[in-house]
Amino acid sequence: MPSAAYQTFSSPFCLLLIVALTFYLL
């Protein structure tokens, strides 16, 4: 069970945001 800090990082919205930002930078 991830603690609060890792729950935020692993949330679907956060992952989608990271993917979108990576695509934008590339």
mmCIF file of all heavy atoms, coordinates in Angstrom:
data_MODEL
# 
_entry.id   MODEL 
# 
loop_
_atom_site.group_PDB 
_atom_site.id 
_atom_site.type_symbol 
_atom_site.label_atom_id 
_atom_site.label_alt_id 
_atom_site.label_comp_id 
_atom_site.label_asym_id 
_atom_site.label_entity_id 
_atom_site.label_seq_id 
_atom_site.pdbx_PDB_ins_code 
_atom_site.Cartn_x 
_atom_site.Cartn_y 
_atom_site.Cartn_z 
_atom_site.occupancy 
_atom_site.B_iso_or_equiv 
_atom_site.pdbx_formal_charge 
_atom_site.auth_seq_id 
_atom_site.auth_comp_id 
_atom_site.auth_asym_id 
_atom_site.auth_atom_id 
_atom_site.pdbx_PDB_model_num 
ATOM 1   N N   . MET A 1 1  ? 0.859  -1.183 0.000   1.00 0.00 ? 1  MET A N   1 
ATOM 2   C CA  . MET A 1 1  ? 0.000  0.000  0.000   1.00 0.00 ? 1  MET A CA  1 
ATOM 3   C C   . MET A 1 1  ? 0.892  1.228  0.000   1.00 0.00 ? 1  MET A C   1 
ATOM 4   O O   . MET A 1 1  ? 1.608  1.475  0.981   1.00 0.00 ? 1  MET A O   1 
ATOM 5   C CB  . MET A 1 1  ? -0.906 0.000  1.241   1.00 0.00 ? 1  MET A CB  1 
ATOM 6   C CG  . MET A 1 1  ? -1.835 -1.201 1.312   1.00 0.00 ? 1  MET A CG  1 
ATOM 7   S SD  . MET A 1 1  ? -2.832 -1.203 2.843   1.00 0.00 ? 1  MET A SD  1 
ATOM 8   C CE  . MET A 1 1  ? -1.549 -1.490 4.056   1.00 0.00 ? 1  MET A CE  1 
ATOM 9   N N   . PRO A 1 2  ? 0.908  2.007  -1.071  1.00 0.00 ? 2  PRO A N   1 
ATOM 10  C CA  . PRO A 1 2  ? 1.775  3.186  -1.110  1.00 0.00 ? 2  PRO A CA  1 
ATOM 11  C C   . PRO A 1 2  ? 1.332  4.232  -0.097  1.00 0.00 ? 2  PRO A C   1 
ATOM 12  O O   . PRO A 1 2  ? 0.131  4.426  0.121   1.00 0.00 ? 2  PRO A O   1 
ATOM 13  C CB  . PRO A 1 2  ? 1.625  3.688  -2.547  1.00 0.00 ? 2  PRO A CB  1 
ATOM 14  C CG  . PRO A 1 2  ? 0.294  3.175  -2.989  1.00 0.00 ? 2  PRO A CG  1 
ATOM 15  C CD  . PRO A 1 2  ? 0.106  1.868  -2.301  1.00 0.00 ? 2  PRO A CD  1 
ATOM 16  N N   . SER A 1 3  ? 2.292  4.893  0.515   1.00 0.00 ? 3  SER A N   1 
ATOM 17  C CA  . SER A 1 3  ? 1.967  5.984  1.435   1.00 0.00 ? 3  SER A CA  1 
ATOM 18  C C   . SER A 1 3  ? 1.437  7.170  0.635   1.00 0.00 ? 3  SER A C   1 
ATOM 19  O O   . SER A 1 3  ? 1.432  7.160  -0.595  1.00 0.00 ? 3  SER A O   1 
ATOM 20  C CB  . SER A 1 3  ? 3.193  6.376  2.256   1.00 0.00 ? 3  SER A CB  1 
ATOM 21  O OG  . SER A 1 3  ? 4.242  6.799  1.409   1.00 0.00 ? 3  SER A OG  1 
ATOM 22  N N   . ALA A 1 4  ? 1.002  8.204  1.337   1.00 0.00 ? 4  ALA A N   1 
ATOM 23  C CA  . ALA A 1 4  ? 0.330  9.332  0.691   1.00 0.00 ? 4  ALA A CA  1 
ATOM 24  C C   . ALA A 1 4  ? 1.163  9.947  -0.436  1.00 0.00 ? 4  ALA A C   1 
ATOM 25  O O   . ALA A 1 4  ? 0.645  10.253 -1.512  1.00 0.00 ? 4  ALA A O   1 
ATOM 26  C CB  . ALA A 1 4  ? -0.010 10.390 1.736   1.00 0.00 ? 4  ALA A CB  1 
ATOM 27  N N   . ALA A 1 5  ? 2.458  10.112 -0.214  1.00 0.00 ? 5  ALA A N   1 
ATOM 28  C CA  . ALA A 1 5  ? 3.314  10.732 -1.231  1.00 0.00 ? 5  ALA A CA  1 
ATOM 29  C C   . ALA A 1 5  ? 3.342  9.913  -2.513  1.00 0.00 ? 5  ALA A C   1 
ATOM 30  O O   . ALA A 1 5  ? 3.283  10.459 -3.620  1.00 0.00 ? 5  ALA A O   1 
ATOM 31  C CB  . ALA A 1 5  ? 4.730  10.899 -0.682  1.00 0.00 ? 5  ALA A CB  1 
ATOM 32  N N   . TYR A 1 6  ? 3.381  8.601  -2.388  1.00 0.00 ? 6  TYR A N   1 
ATOM 33  C CA  . TYR A 1 6  ? 3.458  7.747  -3.573  1.00 0.00 ? 6  TYR A CA  1 
ATOM 34  C C   . TYR A 1 6  ? 2.093  7.513  -4.186  1.00 0.00 ? 6  TYR A C   1 
ATOM 35  O O   . TYR A 1 6  ? 1.981  7.240  -5.374  1.00 0.00 ? 6  TYR A O   1 
ATOM 36  C CB  . TYR A 1 6  ? 4.127  6.426  -3.201  1.00 0.00 ? 6  TYR A CB  1 
ATOM 37  C CG  . TYR A 1 6  ? 5.544  6.632  -2.723  1.00 0.00 ? 6  TYR A CG  1 
ATOM 38  C CD1 . TYR A 1 6  ? 5.837  6.627  -1.359  1.00 0.00 ? 6  TYR A CD1 1 
ATOM 39  C CD2 . TYR A 1 6  ? 6.569  6.887  -3.619  1.00 0.00 ? 6  TYR A CD2 1 
ATOM 40  C CE1 . TYR A 1 6  ? 7.137  6.850  -0.913  1.00 0.00 ? 6  TYR A CE1 1 
ATOM 41  C CE2 . TYR A 1 6  ? 7.866  7.109  -3.176  1.00 0.00 ? 6  TYR A CE2 1 
ATOM 42  C CZ  . TYR A 1 6  ? 8.135  7.086  -1.827  1.00 0.00 ? 6  TYR A CZ  1 
ATOM 43  O OH  . TYR A 1 6  ? 9.417  7.316  -1.384  1.00 0.00 ? 6  TYR A OH  1 
ATOM 44  N N   . GLN A 1 7  ? 1.021  7.630  -3.384  1.00 0.00 ? 7  GLN A N   1 
ATOM 45  C CA  . GLN A 1 7  ? -0.318 7.544  -3.941  1.00 0.00 ? 7  GLN A CA  1 
ATOM 46  C C   . GLN A 1 7  ? -0.563 8.696  -4.904  1.00 0.00 ? 7  GLN A C   1 
ATOM 47  O O   . GLN A 1 7  ? -1.132 8.527  -5.967  1.00 0.00 ? 7  GLN A O   1 
ATOM 48  C CB  . GLN A 1 7  ? -1.354 7.601  -2.809  1.00 0.00 ? 7  GLN A CB  1 
ATOM 49  C CG  . GLN A 1 7  ? -1.407 6.352  -1.960  1.00 0.00 ? 7  GLN A CG  1 
ATOM 50  C CD  . GLN A 1 7  ? -2.322 6.512  -0.768  1.00 0.00 ? 7  GLN A CD  1 
ATOM 51  O OE1 . GLN A 1 7  ? -3.024 7.513  -0.635  1.00 0.00 ? 7  GLN A OE1 1 
ATOM 52  N NE2 . GLN A 1 7  ? -2.308 5.534  0.118   1.00 0.00 ? 7  GLN A NE2 1 
ATOM 53  N N   . THR A 1 8  ? -0.099 9.893  -4.534  1.00 0.00 ? 8  THR A N   1 
ATOM 54  C CA  . THR A 1 8  ? -0.264 11.061 -5.403  1.00 0.00 ? 8  THR A CA  1 
ATOM 55  C C   . THR A 1 8  ? 0.492  10.880 -6.699  1.00 0.00 ? 8  THR A C   1 
ATOM 56  O O   . THR A 1 8  ? -0.009 11.126 -7.794  1.00 0.00 ? 8  THR A O   1 
ATOM 57  C CB  . THR A 1 8  ? 0.239  12.327 -4.683  1.00 0.00 ? 8  THR A CB  1 
ATOM 58  O OG1 . THR A 1 8  ? -0.499 12.491 -3.477  1.00 0.00 ? 8  THR A OG1 1 
ATOM 59  C CG2 . THR A 1 8  ? 0.062  13.554 -5.565  1.00 0.00 ? 8  THR A CG2 1 
ATOM 60  N N   . PHE A 1 9  ? 1.713  10.374 -6.575  1.00 0.00 ? 9  PHE A N   1 
ATOM 61  C CA  . PHE A 1 9  ? 2.545  10.206 -7.760  1.00 0.00 ? 9  PHE A CA  1 
ATOM 62  C C   . PHE A 1 9  ? 1.991  9.145  -8.690  1.00 0.00 ? 9  PHE A C   1 
ATOM 63  O O   . PHE A 1 9  ? 2.087  9.255  -9.906  1.00 0.00 ? 9  PHE A O   1 
ATOM 64  C CB  . PHE A 1 9  ? 3.967  9.842  -7.332  1.00 0.00 ? 9  PHE A CB  1 
ATOM 65  C CG  . PHE A 1 9  ? 4.903  9.654  -8.495  1.00 0.00 ? 9  PHE A CG  1 
ATOM 66  C CD1 . PHE A 1 9  ? 5.451  10.737 -9.147  1.00 0.00 ? 9  PHE A CD1 1 
ATOM 67  C CD2 . PHE A 1 9  ? 5.218  8.376  -8.944  1.00 0.00 ? 9  PHE A CD2 1 
ATOM 68  C CE1 . PHE A 1 9  ? 6.310  10.569 -10.221 1.00 0.00 ? 9  PHE A CE1 1 
ATOM 69  C CE2 . PHE A 1 9  ? 6.079  8.202  -10.008 1.00 0.00 ? 9  PHE A CE2 1 
ATOM 70  C CZ  . PHE A 1 9  ? 6.629  9.299  -10.655 1.00 0.00 ? 9  PHE A CZ  1 
ATOM 71  N N   . SER A 1 10 ? 1.391  8.106  -8.109  1.00 0.00 ? 10 SER A N   1 
ATOM 72  C CA  . SER A 1 10 ? 0.947  6.982  -8.929  1.00 0.00 ? 10 SER A CA  1 
ATOM 73  C C   . SER A 1 10 ? -0.507 7.104  -9.365  1.00 0.00 ? 10 SER A C   1 
ATOM 74  O O   . SER A 1 10 ? -1.043 6.192  -9.984  1.00 0.00 ? 10 SER A O   1 
ATOM 75  C CB  . SER A 1 10 ? 1.119  5.672  -8.144  1.00 0.00 ? 10 SER A CB  1 
ATOM 76  O OG  . SER A 1 10 ? 0.352  5.709  -6.958  1.00 0.00 ? 10 SER A OG  1 
ATOM 77  N N   . SER A 1 11 ? -1.170 8.209  -9.067  1.00 0.00 ? 11 SER A N   1 
ATOM 78  C CA  . SER A 1 11 ? -2.565 8.356  -9.468  1.00 0.00 ? 11 SER A CA  1 
ATOM 79  C C   . SER A 1 11 ? -2.665 8.439  -10.990 1.00 0.00 ? 11 SER A C   1 
ATOM 80  O O   . SER A 1 11 ? -1.759 8.929  -11.665 1.00 0.00 ? 11 SER A O   1 
ATOM 81  C CB  . SER A 1 11 ? -3.163 9.617  -8.833  1.00 0.00 ? 11 SER A CB  1 
ATOM 82  O OG  . SER A 1 11 ? -2.553 10.770 -9.375  1.00 0.00 ? 11 SER A OG  1 
ATOM 83  N N   . PRO A 1 12 ? -3.788 7.993  -11.587 1.00 0.00 ? 12 PRO A N   1 
ATOM 84  C CA  . PRO A 1 12 ? -3.936 8.038  -13.045 1.00 0.00 ? 12 PRO A CA  1 
ATOM 85  C C   . PRO A 1 12 ? -3.789 9.446  -13.616 1.00 0.00 ? 12 PRO A C   1 
ATOM 86  O O   . PRO A 1 12 ? -3.167 9.635  -14.669 1.00 0.00 ? 12 PRO A O   1 
ATOM 87  C CB  . PRO A 1 12 ? -5.354 7.482  -13.254 1.00 0.00 ? 12 PRO A CB  1 
ATOM 88  C CG  . PRO A 1 12 ? -5.610 6.631  -12.048 1.00 0.00 ? 12 PRO A CG  1 
ATOM 89  C CD  . PRO A 1 12 ? -4.902 7.318  -10.923 1.00 0.00 ? 12 PRO A CD  1 
ATOM 90  N N   . PHE A 1 13 ? -4.356 10.443 -12.931 1.00 0.00 ? 13 PHE A N   1 
ATOM 91  C CA  . PHE A 1 13 ? -4.255 11.813 -13.439 1.00 0.00 ? 13 PHE A CA  1 
ATOM 92  C C   . PHE A 1 13 ? -2.813 12.279 -13.480 1.00 0.00 ? 13 PHE A C   1 
ATOM 93  O O   . PHE A 1 13 ? -2.371 12.908 -14.441 1.00 0.00 ? 13 PHE A O   1 
ATOM 94  C CB  . PHE A 1 13 ? -5.092 12.757 -12.549 1.00 0.00 ? 13 PHE A CB  1 
ATOM 95  C CG  . PHE A 1 13 ? -4.951 14.205 -12.933 1.00 0.00 ? 13 PHE A CG  1 
ATOM 96  C CD1 . PHE A 1 13 ? -5.613 14.722 -14.035 1.00 0.00 ? 13 PHE A CD1 1 
ATOM 97  C CD2 . PHE A 1 13 ? -4.122 15.041 -12.195 1.00 0.00 ? 13 PHE A CD2 1 
ATOM 98  C CE1 . PHE A 1 13 ? -5.469 16.053 -14.391 1.00 0.00 ? 13 PHE A CE1 1 
ATOM 99  C CE2 . PHE A 1 13 ? -3.970 16.376 -12.550 1.00 0.00 ? 13 PHE A CE2 1 
ATOM 100 C CZ  . PHE A 1 13 ? -4.649 16.886 -13.657 1.00 0.00 ? 13 PHE A CZ  1 
ATOM 101 N N   . CYS A 1 14 ? -2.070 11.953 -12.409 1.00 0.00 ? 14 CYS A N   1 
ATOM 102 C CA  . CYS A 1 14 ? -0.674 12.373 -12.354 1.00 0.00 ? 14 CYS A CA  1 
ATOM 103 C C   . CYS A 1 14 ? 0.133  11.697 -13.458 1.00 0.00 ? 14 CYS A C   1 
ATOM 104 O O   . CYS A 1 14 ? 0.953  12.336 -14.115 1.00 0.00 ? 14 CYS A O   1 
ATOM 105 C CB  . CYS A 1 14 ? -0.100 12.049 -10.978 1.00 0.00 ? 14 CYS A CB  1 
ATOM 106 S SG  . CYS A 1 14 ? 1.603  12.602 -10.744 1.00 0.00 ? 14 CYS A SG  1 
ATOM 107 N N   . LEU A 1 15 ? -0.108 10.419 -13.684 1.00 0.00 ? 15 LEU A N   1 
ATOM 108 C CA  . LEU A 1 15 ? 0.618  9.705  -14.731 1.00 0.00 ? 15 LEU A CA  1 
ATOM 109 C C   . LEU A 1 15 ? 0.282  10.277 -16.106 1.00 0.00 ? 15 LEU A C   1 
ATOM 110 O O   . LEU A 1 15 ? 1.160  10.418 -16.966 1.00 0.00 ? 15 LEU A O   1 
ATOM 111 C CB  . LEU A 1 15 ? 0.275  8.214  -14.669 1.00 0.00 ? 15 LEU A CB  1 
ATOM 112 C CG  . LEU A 1 15 ? 0.790  7.470  -13.432 1.00 0.00 ? 15 LEU A CG  1 
ATOM 113 C CD1 . LEU A 1 15 ? 0.316  6.019  -13.460 1.00 0.00 ? 15 LEU A CD1 1 
ATOM 114 C CD2 . LEU A 1 15 ? 2.323  7.515  -13.364 1.00 0.00 ? 15 LEU A CD2 1 
ATOM 115 N N   . LEU A 1 16 ? -0.993 10.612 -16.321 1.00 0.00 ? 16 LEU A N   1 
ATOM 116 C CA  . LEU A 1 16 ? -1.398 11.200 -17.597 1.00 0.00 ? 16 LEU A CA  1 
ATOM 117 C C   . LEU A 1 16 ? -0.737 12.548 -17.814 1.00 0.00 ? 16 LEU A C   1 
ATOM 118 O O   . LEU A 1 16 ? -0.283 12.870 -18.920 1.00 0.00 ? 16 LEU A O   1 
ATOM 119 C CB  . LEU A 1 16 ? -2.923 11.346 -17.635 1.00 0.00 ? 16 LEU A CB  1 
ATOM 120 C CG  . LEU A 1 16 ? -3.520 11.911 -18.929 1.00 0.00 ? 16 LEU A CG  1 
ATOM 121 C CD1 . LEU A 1 16 ? -3.190 10.992 -20.100 1.00 0.00 ? 16 LEU A CD1 1 
ATOM 122 C CD2 . LEU A 1 16 ? -5.033 12.078 -18.787 1.00 0.00 ? 16 LEU A CD2 1 
ATOM 123 N N   . LEU A 1 17 ? -0.649 13.320 -16.724 1.00 0.00 ? 17 LEU A N   1 
ATOM 124 C CA  . LEU A 1 17 ? -0.009 14.624 -16.815 1.00 0.00 ? 17 LEU A CA  1 
ATOM 125 C C   . LEU A 1 17 ? 1.470  14.490 -17.153 1.00 0.00 ? 17 LEU A C   1 
ATOM 126 O O   . LEU A 1 17 ? 2.013  15.250 -17.974 1.00 0.00 ? 17 LEU A O   1 
ATOM 127 C CB  . LEU A 1 17 ? -0.185 15.375 -15.494 1.00 0.00 ? 17 LEU A CB  1 
ATOM 128 C CG  . LEU A 1 17 ? 0.379  16.799 -15.435 1.00 0.00 ? 17 LEU A CG  1 
ATOM 129 C CD1 . LEU A 1 17 ? -0.323 17.683 -16.469 1.00 0.00 ? 17 LEU A CD1 1 
ATOM 130 C CD2 . LEU A 1 17 ? 0.218  17.379 -14.039 1.00 0.00 ? 17 LEU A CD2 1 
ATOM 131 N N   . ILE A 1 18 ? 2.137  13.498 -16.569 1.00 0.00 ? 18 ILE A N   1 
ATOM 132 C CA  . ILE A 1 18 ? 3.556  13.270 -16.849 1.00 0.00 ? 18 ILE A CA  1 
ATOM 133 C C   . ILE A 1 18 ? 3.761  12.869 -18.302 1.00 0.00 ? 18 ILE A C   1 
ATOM 134 O O   . ILE A 1 18 ? 4.672  13.348 -18.987 1.00 0.00 ? 18 ILE A O   1 
ATOM 135 C CB  . ILE A 1 18 ? 4.111  12.193 -15.898 1.00 0.00 ? 18 ILE A CB  1 
ATOM 136 C CG1 . ILE A 1 18 ? 4.140  12.729 -14.458 1.00 0.00 ? 18 ILE A CG1 1 
ATOM 137 C CG2 . ILE A 1 18 ? 5.515  11.759 -16.322 1.00 0.00 ? 18 ILE A CG2 1 
ATOM 138 C CD1 . ILE A 1 18 ? 4.537  11.678 -13.433 1.00 0.00 ? 18 ILE A CD1 1 
ATOM 139 N N   . VAL A 1 19 ? 2.877  11.984 -18.800 1.00 0.00 ? 19 VAL A N   1 
ATOM 140 C CA  . VAL A 1 19 ? 2.977  11.549 -20.198 1.00 0.00 ? 19 VAL A CA  1 
ATOM 141 C C   . VAL A 1 19 ? 2.780  12.749 -21.131 1.00 0.00 ? 19 VAL A C   1 
ATOM 142 O O   . VAL A 1 19 ? 3.526  12.920 -22.104 1.00 0.00 ? 19 VAL A O   1 
ATOM 143 C CB  . VAL A 1 19 ? 1.944  10.449 -20.491 1.00 0.00 ? 19 VAL A CB  1 
ATOM 144 C CG1 . VAL A 1 19 ? 1.878  10.161 -21.994 1.00 0.00 ? 19 VAL A CG1 1 
ATOM 145 C CG2 . VAL A 1 19 ? 2.284  9.184  -19.724 1.00 0.00 ? 19 VAL A CG2 1 
ATOM 146 N N   . ALA A 1 20 ? 1.775  13.573 -20.845 1.00 0.00 ? 20 ALA A N   1 
ATOM 147 C CA  . ALA A 1 20 ? 1.497  14.732 -21.697 1.00 0.00 ? 20 ALA A CA  1 
ATOM 148 C C   . ALA A 1 20 ? 2.662  15.716 -21.682 1.00 0.00 ? 20 ALA A C   1 
ATOM 149 O O   . ALA A 1 20 ? 3.059  16.250 -22.738 1.00 0.00 ? 20 ALA A O   1 
ATOM 150 C CB  . ALA A 1 20 ? 0.218  15.422 -21.221 1.00 0.00 ? 20 ALA A CB  1 
ATOM 151 N N   . LEU A 1 21 ? 3.244  15.946 -20.510 1.00 0.00 ? 21 LEU A N   1 
ATOM 152 C CA  . LEU A 1 21 ? 4.359  16.874 -20.405 1.00 0.00 ? 21 LEU A CA  1 
ATOM 153 C C   . LEU A 1 21 ? 5.578  16.330 -21.142 1.00 0.00 ? 21 LEU A C   1 
ATOM 154 O O   . LEU A 1 21 ? 6.283  17.077 -21.841 1.00 0.00 ? 21 LEU A O   1 
ATOM 155 C CB  . LEU A 1 21 ? 4.693  17.120 -18.930 1.00 0.00 ? 21 LEU A CB  1 
ATOM 156 C CG  . LEU A 1 21 ? 5.851  18.080 -18.652 1.00 0.00 ? 21 LEU A CG  1 
ATOM 157 C CD1 . LEU A 1 21 ? 5.549  19.454 -19.240 1.00 0.00 ? 21 LEU A CD1 1 
ATOM 158 C CD2 . LEU A 1 21 ? 6.119  18.187 -17.153 1.00 0.00 ? 21 LEU A CD2 1 
ATOM 159 N N   . THR A 1 22 ? 5.821  15.033 -21.019 1.00 0.00 ? 22 THR A N   1 
ATOM 160 C CA  . THR A 1 22 ? 6.950  14.420 -21.723 1.00 0.00 ? 22 THR A CA  1 
ATOM 161 C C   . THR A 1 22 ? 6.782  14.543 -23.233 1.00 0.00 ? 22 THR A C   1 
ATOM 162 O O   . THR A 1 22 ? 7.729  14.879 -23.965 1.00 0.00 ? 22 THR A O   1 
ATOM 163 C CB  . THR A 1 22 ? 7.073  12.932 -21.324 1.00 0.00 ? 22 THR A CB  1 
ATOM 164 O OG1 . THR A 1 22 ? 7.235  12.841 -19.911 1.00 0.00 ? 22 THR A OG1 1 
ATOM 165 C CG2 . THR A 1 22 ? 8.261  12.289 -22.009 1.00 0.00 ? 22 THR A CG2 1 
ATOM 166 N N   . PHE A 1 23 ? 5.569  14.271 -23.723 1.00 0.00 ? 23 PHE A N   1 
ATOM 167 C CA  . PHE A 1 23 ? 5.291  14.383 -25.161 1.00 0.00 ? 23 PHE A CA  1 
ATOM 168 C C   . PHE A 1 23 ? 5.504  15.813 -25.636 1.00 0.00 ? 23 PHE A C   1 
ATOM 169 O O   . PHE A 1 23 ? 6.081  16.060 -26.706 1.00 0.00 ? 23 PHE A O   1 
ATOM 170 C CB  . PHE A 1 23 ? 3.851  13.930 -25.432 1.00 0.00 ? 23 PHE A CB  1 
ATOM 171 C CG  . PHE A 1 23 ? 3.458  14.022 -26.876 1.00 0.00 ? 23 PHE A CG  1 
ATOM 172 C CD1 . PHE A 1 23 ? 3.861  13.044 -27.792 1.00 0.00 ? 23 PHE A CD1 1 
ATOM 173 C CD2 . PHE A 1 23 ? 2.687  15.078 -27.339 1.00 0.00 ? 23 PHE A CD2 1 
ATOM 174 C CE1 . PHE A 1 23 ? 3.513  13.133 -29.123 1.00 0.00 ? 23 PHE A CE1 1 
ATOM 175 C CE2 . PHE A 1 23 ? 2.332  15.170 -28.665 1.00 0.00 ? 23 PHE A CE2 1 
ATOM 176 C CZ  . PHE A 1 23 ? 2.741  14.196 -29.563 1.00 0.00 ? 23 PHE A CZ  1 
ATOM 177 N N   . TYR A 1 24 ? 5.066  16.770 -24.815 1.00 0.00 ? 24 TYR A N   1 
ATOM 178 C CA  . TYR A 1 24 ? 5.198  18.185 -25.174 1.00 0.00 ? 24 TYR A CA  1 
ATOM 179 C C   . TYR A 1 24 ? 6.669  18.575 -25.268 1.00 0.00 ? 24 TYR A C   1 
ATOM 180 O O   . TYR A 1 24 ? 7.093  19.264 -26.213 1.00 0.00 ? 24 TYR A O   1 
ATOM 181 C CB  . TYR A 1 24 ? 4.484  19.038 -24.126 1.00 0.00 ? 24 TYR A CB  1 
ATOM 182 C CG  . TYR A 1 24 ? 4.642  20.535 -24.333 1.00 0.00 ? 24 TYR A CG  1 
ATOM 183 C CD1 . TYR A 1 24 ? 3.863  21.215 -25.259 1.00 0.00 ? 24 TYR A CD1 1 
ATOM 184 C CD2 . TYR A 1 24 ? 5.587  21.251 -23.593 1.00 0.00 ? 24 TYR A CD2 1 
ATOM 185 C CE1 . TYR A 1 24 ? 4.022  22.578 -25.452 1.00 0.00 ? 24 TYR A CE1 1 
ATOM 186 C CE2 . TYR A 1 24 ? 5.735  22.612 -23.775 1.00 0.00 ? 24 TYR A CE2 1 
ATOM 187 C CZ  . TYR A 1 24 ? 4.950  23.286 -24.699 1.00 0.00 ? 24 TYR A CZ  1 
ATOM 188 O OH  . TYR A 1 24 ? 5.098  24.635 -24.891 1.00 0.00 ? 24 TYR A OH  1 
ATOM 189 N N   . LEU A 1 25 ? 7.472  18.119 -24.340 1.00 0.00 ? 25 LEU A N   1 
ATOM 190 C CA  . LEU A 1 25 ? 8.895  18.463 -24.341 1.00 0.00 ? 25 LEU A CA  1 
ATOM 191 C C   . LEU A 1 25 ? 9.635  17.802 -25.512 1.00 0.00 ? 25 LEU A C   1 
ATOM 192 O O   . LEU A 1 25 ? 10.553 18.380 -26.101 1.00 0.00 ? 25 LEU A O   1 
ATOM 193 C CB  . LEU A 1 25 ? 9.529  18.045 -23.016 1.00 0.00 ? 25 LEU A CB  1 
ATOM 194 C CG  . LEU A 1 25 ? 9.064  18.837 -21.770 1.00 0.00 ? 25 LEU A CG  1 
ATOM 195 C CD1 . LEU A 1 25 ? 9.669  18.235 -20.516 1.00 0.00 ? 25 LEU A CD1 1 
ATOM 196 C CD2 . LEU A 1 25 ? 9.449  20.304 -21.911 1.00 0.00 ? 25 LEU A CD2 1 
ATOM 197 N N   . LEU A 1 26 ? 9.243  16.542 -25.828 1.00 0.00 ? 26 LEU A N   1 
ATOM 198 C CA  . LEU A 1 26 ? 9.918  15.855 -26.925 1.00 0.00 ? 26 LEU A CA  1 
ATOM 199 C C   . LEU A 1 26 ? 9.552  16.456 -28.283 1.00 0.00 ? 26 LEU A C   1 
ATOM 200 O O   . LEU A 1 26 ? 10.389 16.553 -29.173 1.00 0.00 ? 26 LEU A O   1 
ATOM 201 C CB  . LEU A 1 26 ? 9.518  14.374 -26.896 1.00 0.00 ? 26 LEU A CB  1 
ATOM 202 C CG  . LEU A 1 26 ? 10.098 13.537 -25.749 1.00 0.00 ? 26 LEU A CG  1 
ATOM 203 C CD1 . LEU A 1 26 ? 9.549  12.113 -25.796 1.00 0.00 ? 26 LEU A CD1 1 
ATOM 204 C CD2 . LEU A 1 26 ? 11.636 13.503 -25.834 1.00 0.00 ? 26 LEU A CD2 1 
# 
